[in-house]
Protein backbone atom coordinates (compact mmCIF):
# COMPACT_ATOMS: atom_id res chain seq x y z
CA MET A 1 84.08 -16.71 39.24
CA LYS A 2 87.47 -15.14 38.60
CA LEU A 3 90.43 -16.74 40.37
CA ALA A 4 91.84 -13.91 42.46
CA PRO A 5 93.26 -13.17 45.92
CA LEU A 6 90.80 -12.14 48.60
CA GLU A 7 91.34 -8.60 49.86
CA THR A 8 90.59 -8.75 53.58
CA GLY A 9 93.49 -7.44 55.63
CA LEU A 10 94.43 -11.06 56.19
CA LYS A 11 97.01 -12.76 54.04
CA PRO A 12 95.44 -13.08 50.56
CA MET A 13 94.66 -16.54 49.34
CA VAL A 14 93.63 -17.95 46.00
CA ILE A 15 90.28 -19.67 45.74
CA ALA A 16 90.21 -22.16 42.89
CA ASN A 17 87.89 -24.86 41.70
CA ASN A 18 88.15 -27.85 43.95
CA ILE A 19 90.11 -30.71 42.34
CA SER A 20 90.26 -33.39 44.99
CA GLU A 21 91.80 -36.85 45.03
CA LYS A 22 89.45 -38.04 47.78
CA GLU A 23 87.79 -41.30 46.93
CA ASN A 24 84.43 -40.46 48.49
CA ASN A 25 81.41 -39.38 46.47
CA LEU A 26 80.03 -36.66 48.75
CA GLU A 27 79.59 -33.07 47.61
CA LEU A 28 78.56 -30.19 49.88
CA SER A 29 76.71 -27.02 48.91
CA ILE A 30 76.03 -24.20 51.39
CA GLN A 31 73.76 -21.22 50.77
CA ILE A 32 74.85 -18.23 52.85
CA SER A 33 72.60 -15.27 53.58
CA LEU A 34 72.38 -12.91 56.53
CA ASN A 35 68.92 -14.39 57.23
CA GLY A 36 70.20 -17.94 57.63
CA LEU A 37 72.09 -20.89 56.17
CA SER A 38 71.08 -23.87 54.06
CA PHE A 39 73.09 -27.08 53.63
CA CYS A 40 72.81 -29.79 51.02
CA VAL A 41 74.89 -32.95 50.71
CA LEU A 42 74.84 -35.01 47.51
CA ASN A 43 76.08 -38.58 47.18
CA LYS A 44 77.17 -38.36 43.56
CA LYS A 45 77.51 -42.11 43.04
CA LEU A 46 74.01 -42.85 44.37
CA ASN A 47 72.52 -39.65 42.86
CA THR A 48 70.95 -39.06 46.27
CA ILE A 49 70.57 -35.95 48.42
CA THR A 50 71.49 -37.34 51.82
CA PHE A 51 71.25 -34.14 53.90
CA LEU A 52 69.14 -31.00 53.44
CA LYS A 53 68.70 -28.54 56.28
CA ARG A 54 67.99 -24.85 56.84
CA PHE A 55 69.11 -22.75 59.82
CA TYR A 56 66.99 -19.60 60.16
CA GLN A 57 67.87 -16.33 61.88
CA ASN A 58 65.10 -14.41 63.63
CA LYS A 59 66.37 -11.24 61.99
CA LYS A 60 69.05 -10.17 59.55
CA VAL A 61 72.46 -10.46 61.21
CA THR A 62 76.03 -9.43 60.43
CA PRO A 63 78.54 -11.49 58.40
CA ILE A 64 80.42 -12.11 61.67
CA LYS A 65 77.31 -13.55 63.33
CA ILE A 66 76.46 -15.73 60.33
CA LEU A 67 80.00 -17.11 60.42
CA ASP A 68 79.44 -18.10 64.06
CA THR A 69 76.25 -19.88 63.01
CA LEU A 70 78.15 -21.68 60.26
CA ILE A 71 80.88 -22.83 62.63
CA ASN A 72 78.29 -24.06 65.14
CA ALA A 73 76.52 -26.03 62.40
CA PHE A 74 79.73 -27.83 61.46
CA GLU A 75 80.32 -28.65 65.14
CA SER A 76 76.78 -29.88 65.85
CA GLU A 77 75.70 -31.68 62.66
CA THR A 78 77.35 -35.07 62.14
CA GLU A 79 76.40 -35.06 58.43
CA LEU A 80 78.62 -32.00 57.98
CA GLN A 81 81.63 -33.64 59.63
CA LYS A 82 82.28 -36.07 56.78
CA GLU A 83 84.88 -35.84 54.02
CA PHE A 84 83.68 -33.96 50.94
CA LYS A 85 85.07 -34.27 47.44
CA ASN A 86 83.73 -30.86 46.39
CA VAL A 87 82.47 -27.85 48.33
CA LEU A 88 80.45 -24.97 46.85
CA ILE A 89 79.38 -21.75 48.58
CA ILE A 90 76.32 -19.86 47.30
CA HIS A 91 76.45 -16.20 48.32
CA ASP A 92 72.91 -14.93 48.79
CA ASN A 93 72.75 -11.14 49.00
CA GLU A 94 71.53 -8.11 47.06
CA LEU A 95 75.05 -6.99 46.06
CA SER A 96 75.08 -8.15 42.44
CA THR A 97 74.50 -6.88 38.92
CA PHE A 98 74.53 -8.34 35.42
CA VAL A 99 76.75 -6.97 32.63
CA PRO A 100 76.63 -8.02 28.95
CA LYS A 101 79.77 -10.01 28.23
CA ASN A 102 80.73 -7.89 25.22
CA LEU A 103 80.75 -4.78 27.45
CA PHE A 104 82.46 -6.39 30.43
CA ASP A 105 85.87 -5.21 31.68
CA SER A 106 87.33 -6.96 34.75
CA ASN A 107 89.08 -3.71 35.70
CA LEU A 108 85.75 -1.96 36.27
CA LEU A 109 84.08 -4.31 38.76
CA ALA A 110 83.41 -1.62 41.38
CA ASP A 111 82.00 0.71 38.73
CA TYR A 112 79.38 -1.86 37.72
CA LEU A 113 78.16 -2.29 41.30
CA LYS A 114 78.28 1.23 42.66
CA PHE A 115 75.23 2.40 40.71
CA ASN A 116 72.80 0.00 42.40
CA SER A 117 74.64 -1.33 45.49
CA LYS A 118 76.29 0.25 48.49
CA ILE A 119 79.86 -1.04 48.49
CA LEU A 120 83.05 -0.16 50.36
CA LYS A 121 86.49 0.44 48.88
CA SER A 122 87.72 -2.56 50.87
CA ASP A 123 85.08 -4.94 49.46
CA PHE A 124 86.36 -7.87 47.43
CA ILE A 125 84.38 -8.16 44.19
CA ALA A 126 83.99 -11.39 42.22
CA TYR A 127 82.15 -12.40 39.08
CA ASP A 128 80.52 -15.43 37.45
CA GLU A 129 80.23 -15.91 33.71
CA ILE A 130 76.78 -16.97 32.52
CA LYS A 131 76.93 -18.79 29.21
CA THR A 132 73.19 -19.11 28.69
CA ASN A 133 72.84 -15.42 27.84
CA GLU A 134 76.45 -14.28 27.34
CA SER A 135 76.55 -12.13 30.47
CA VAL A 136 78.69 -11.68 33.56
CA ASN A 137 77.33 -11.50 37.11
CA VAL A 138 79.39 -9.09 39.24
CA TYR A 139 78.90 -9.41 43.01
CA VAL A 140 80.34 -9.06 46.52
CA PRO A 141 80.84 -12.41 48.29
CA TYR A 142 81.08 -12.83 52.07
CA VAL A 143 84.86 -12.83 52.37
CA ASN A 144 84.95 -14.01 55.98
CA ILE A 145 82.92 -17.07 54.96
CA ASN A 146 85.24 -17.79 52.03
CA ASN A 147 88.29 -17.54 54.27
CA TYR A 148 86.81 -19.93 56.83
CA ILE A 149 85.78 -22.48 54.20
CA TYR A 150 89.26 -22.31 52.64
CA GLU A 151 90.89 -22.93 56.03
CA LYS A 152 88.54 -25.84 56.71
CA PHE A 153 88.42 -27.56 53.32
CA GLY A 154 91.14 -26.09 51.14
CA ALA A 155 90.23 -25.18 47.56
CA PHE A 156 86.51 -24.78 46.84
CA SER A 157 84.10 -23.05 44.45
CA TYR A 158 81.62 -20.24 44.97
CA LYS A 159 78.82 -18.53 43.06
CA HIS A 160 76.15 -15.93 43.61
CA ILE A 161 72.60 -17.17 44.06
CA SER A 162 71.42 -15.07 41.11
CA THR A 163 73.85 -16.90 38.82
CA ILE A 164 72.14 -20.22 39.55
CA LEU A 165 68.61 -18.82 39.38
CA VAL A 166 69.14 -17.05 36.08
CA GLU A 167 71.05 -19.94 34.47
CA LYS A 168 68.49 -22.57 35.40
CA ILE A 169 65.43 -20.47 34.60
CA LEU A 170 66.82 -19.47 31.20
CA GLU A 171 67.61 -23.12 30.45
CA ALA A 172 64.04 -24.12 31.35
CA GLU A 173 62.52 -21.25 29.32
CA LYS A 174 64.82 -21.47 26.31
CA TYR A 175 61.97 -21.97 23.85
CA ALA A 176 59.30 -19.93 25.66
CA GLN A 177 57.21 -17.65 23.46
CA ASN A 178 55.64 -15.48 26.15
CA ASP A 179 56.62 -13.29 29.10
CA LYS A 180 57.04 -14.83 32.56
CA VAL A 181 58.11 -13.62 35.98
CA TYR A 182 59.71 -16.01 38.46
CA VAL A 183 59.55 -15.09 42.15
CA HIS A 184 61.93 -16.99 44.43
CA VAL A 185 60.70 -16.44 48.00
CA GLU A 186 62.89 -16.71 51.08
CA HIS A 187 62.59 -15.58 54.68
CA SER A 188 62.38 -11.73 54.51
CA GLN A 189 63.84 -11.62 50.96
CA PHE A 190 62.78 -12.56 47.44
CA ASN A 191 64.53 -12.74 44.08
CA LEU A 192 62.72 -11.79 40.88
CA VAL A 193 63.64 -13.04 37.40
CA ALA A 194 61.66 -11.62 34.48
CA ILE A 195 62.00 -13.15 31.01
CA SER A 196 60.56 -12.39 27.61
CA LYS A 197 60.59 -15.12 24.94
CA GLY A 198 63.40 -16.93 26.75
CA ASN A 199 65.53 -13.80 27.26
CA LEU A 200 66.37 -12.18 30.58
CA ILE A 201 64.86 -8.71 30.93
CA LEU A 202 65.35 -8.17 34.68
CA TYR A 203 66.86 -9.69 37.79
CA ASN A 204 66.43 -8.02 41.15
CA SER A 205 66.41 -8.83 44.85
CA PHE A 206 64.13 -7.27 47.46
CA GLU A 207 64.02 -7.33 51.25
CA TYR A 208 60.57 -7.39 52.82
CA ASN A 209 59.19 -7.38 56.36
CA THR A 210 55.52 -7.99 55.59
CA LYS A 211 53.52 -9.65 52.84
CA GLU A 212 52.32 -6.17 51.87
CA ASP A 213 55.95 -5.16 51.23
CA LEU A 214 56.40 -8.12 48.92
CA ILE A 215 53.30 -7.51 46.80
CA TYR A 216 54.14 -3.78 46.57
CA TYR A 217 57.60 -4.53 45.14
CA LEU A 218 56.21 -7.18 42.81
CA LEU A 219 53.40 -4.99 41.43
CA PHE A 220 55.71 -2.00 41.10
CA THR A 221 58.20 -4.09 39.12
CA LEU A 222 55.45 -5.34 36.81
CA GLU A 223 54.31 -1.77 36.24
CA GLN A 224 57.86 -0.61 35.43
CA LEU A 225 58.27 -3.47 32.94
CA GLY A 226 54.89 -2.78 31.33
CA LEU A 227 53.55 -6.20 32.35
CA ASN A 228 49.85 -6.62 33.13
CA PRO A 229 49.00 -8.42 36.42
CA GLU A 230 45.88 -9.72 34.66
CA SER A 231 47.82 -11.57 31.95
CA ILE A 232 51.42 -12.16 33.06
CA ASP A 233 52.39 -15.65 34.26
CA VAL A 234 53.99 -15.49 37.72
CA ILE A 235 55.82 -18.65 38.82
CA LEU A 236 56.68 -19.17 42.47
CA LEU A 237 59.77 -20.90 43.83
CA GLY A 238 61.35 -21.27 47.25
CA ASP A 239 59.93 -21.03 50.75
CA ILE A 240 56.27 -20.58 49.85
CA LYS A 241 53.28 -22.89 49.82
CA LEU A 242 49.64 -22.92 48.82
CA ASN A 243 47.43 -20.71 51.01
CA ASP A 244 50.17 -19.28 53.20
CA ASN A 245 50.05 -15.50 53.76
CA VAL A 246 52.52 -14.63 51.00
CA TYR A 247 50.83 -16.89 48.46
CA ASP A 248 47.39 -15.52 49.30
CA ILE A 249 48.34 -11.90 48.75
CA ILE A 250 50.12 -12.68 45.47
CA TYR A 251 47.10 -14.65 44.28
CA LYS A 252 44.84 -11.74 45.27
CA TYR A 253 46.55 -9.32 42.89
CA ILE A 254 47.97 -11.59 40.17
CA ARG A 255 45.57 -13.59 38.00
CA HIS A 256 47.92 -16.31 36.71
CA VAL A 257 49.98 -17.73 39.58
CA SER A 258 51.56 -21.18 39.66
CA PHE A 259 54.35 -23.07 41.39
CA GLY A 260 57.52 -23.90 39.50
CA THR A 261 59.49 -27.11 39.65
CA ARG A 262 63.17 -27.98 39.96
CA PHE A 263 63.01 -30.71 37.30
CA ASP A 264 65.80 -32.56 39.11
CA ASP A 265 66.22 -36.34 39.06
CA TYR A 266 67.80 -36.78 42.48
CA LYS A 267 66.64 -39.27 45.06
CA PHE A 268 66.18 -37.89 48.56
CA LYS A 269 66.90 -39.44 51.93
CA ASN A 270 64.36 -36.97 53.32
CA GLU A 271 62.00 -35.30 50.87
CA PRO A 272 62.17 -31.50 50.51
CA ALA A 273 59.19 -29.41 51.57
CA SER A 274 58.03 -29.22 47.95
CA ASN A 275 59.17 -29.63 44.36
CA HIS A 276 59.76 -25.88 44.13
CA SER A 277 61.72 -25.43 47.39
CA ASN A 278 65.52 -25.27 47.74
CA PHE A 279 65.75 -24.41 44.04
CA PRO A 280 69.23 -22.79 43.86
CA LEU A 281 70.72 -25.07 46.51
CA ILE A 282 69.76 -28.35 44.83
CA HIS A 283 70.57 -26.96 41.37
CA SER A 284 74.05 -25.93 42.50
CA PHE A 285 75.66 -29.35 41.89
């Protein structure tokens, strides 16, 4: 993420990495999407996730509405009313693209996005550097969320969800010798990361309303990449479980389907739904 003023019509402010002198050991990570919010609190000293909760929306809402949901969560959840040493926001939307670092120019951020995302001239554009494959992730964060978090906590950090997914998957597949496709499933949206011999060949995000939408996008992507549904390994992450509707339709059309794992070593006050759920949120620390 580049340190830069937020362009919002409000007084610009600088968002920097959080360097706090607080003596507590709590760190807060919040995943923000227009379909809902997810919160995770880590006690660094005890290496324990003490709070993990998702707030769903019945349908995709506006950034203004999701901010109201965020404010209500801070007012209603006692675990979110504690002092935090570090705060990280994960922006979860489809407004992102990857650029090779050797071709990247910070003066051309809008140009990178305009070819595959609908953006406005007033949009603030940020970027994350990804060291694992020498690339830069250019994206549009939710500026109203950033402003609120800054007012509430002061300096904080933020990333795009695709930054975390790509970084962690590439780390796990560093020595892989075959092609794999990771599918991170969320409520009405999924992220797809395709790799070949440990290298990123595609990242994309899709909205879906039905399980048929999801399998159409997945199969179409495989076809475009020249990957055979009969032989490609598809690894599932996120809000999906064995024999639910989404899993069943993927398993119907893809021969080799398995669940991934976070490979984290945290203790949990309350266990997550599975070892493949909350992947970017828990890996954000």
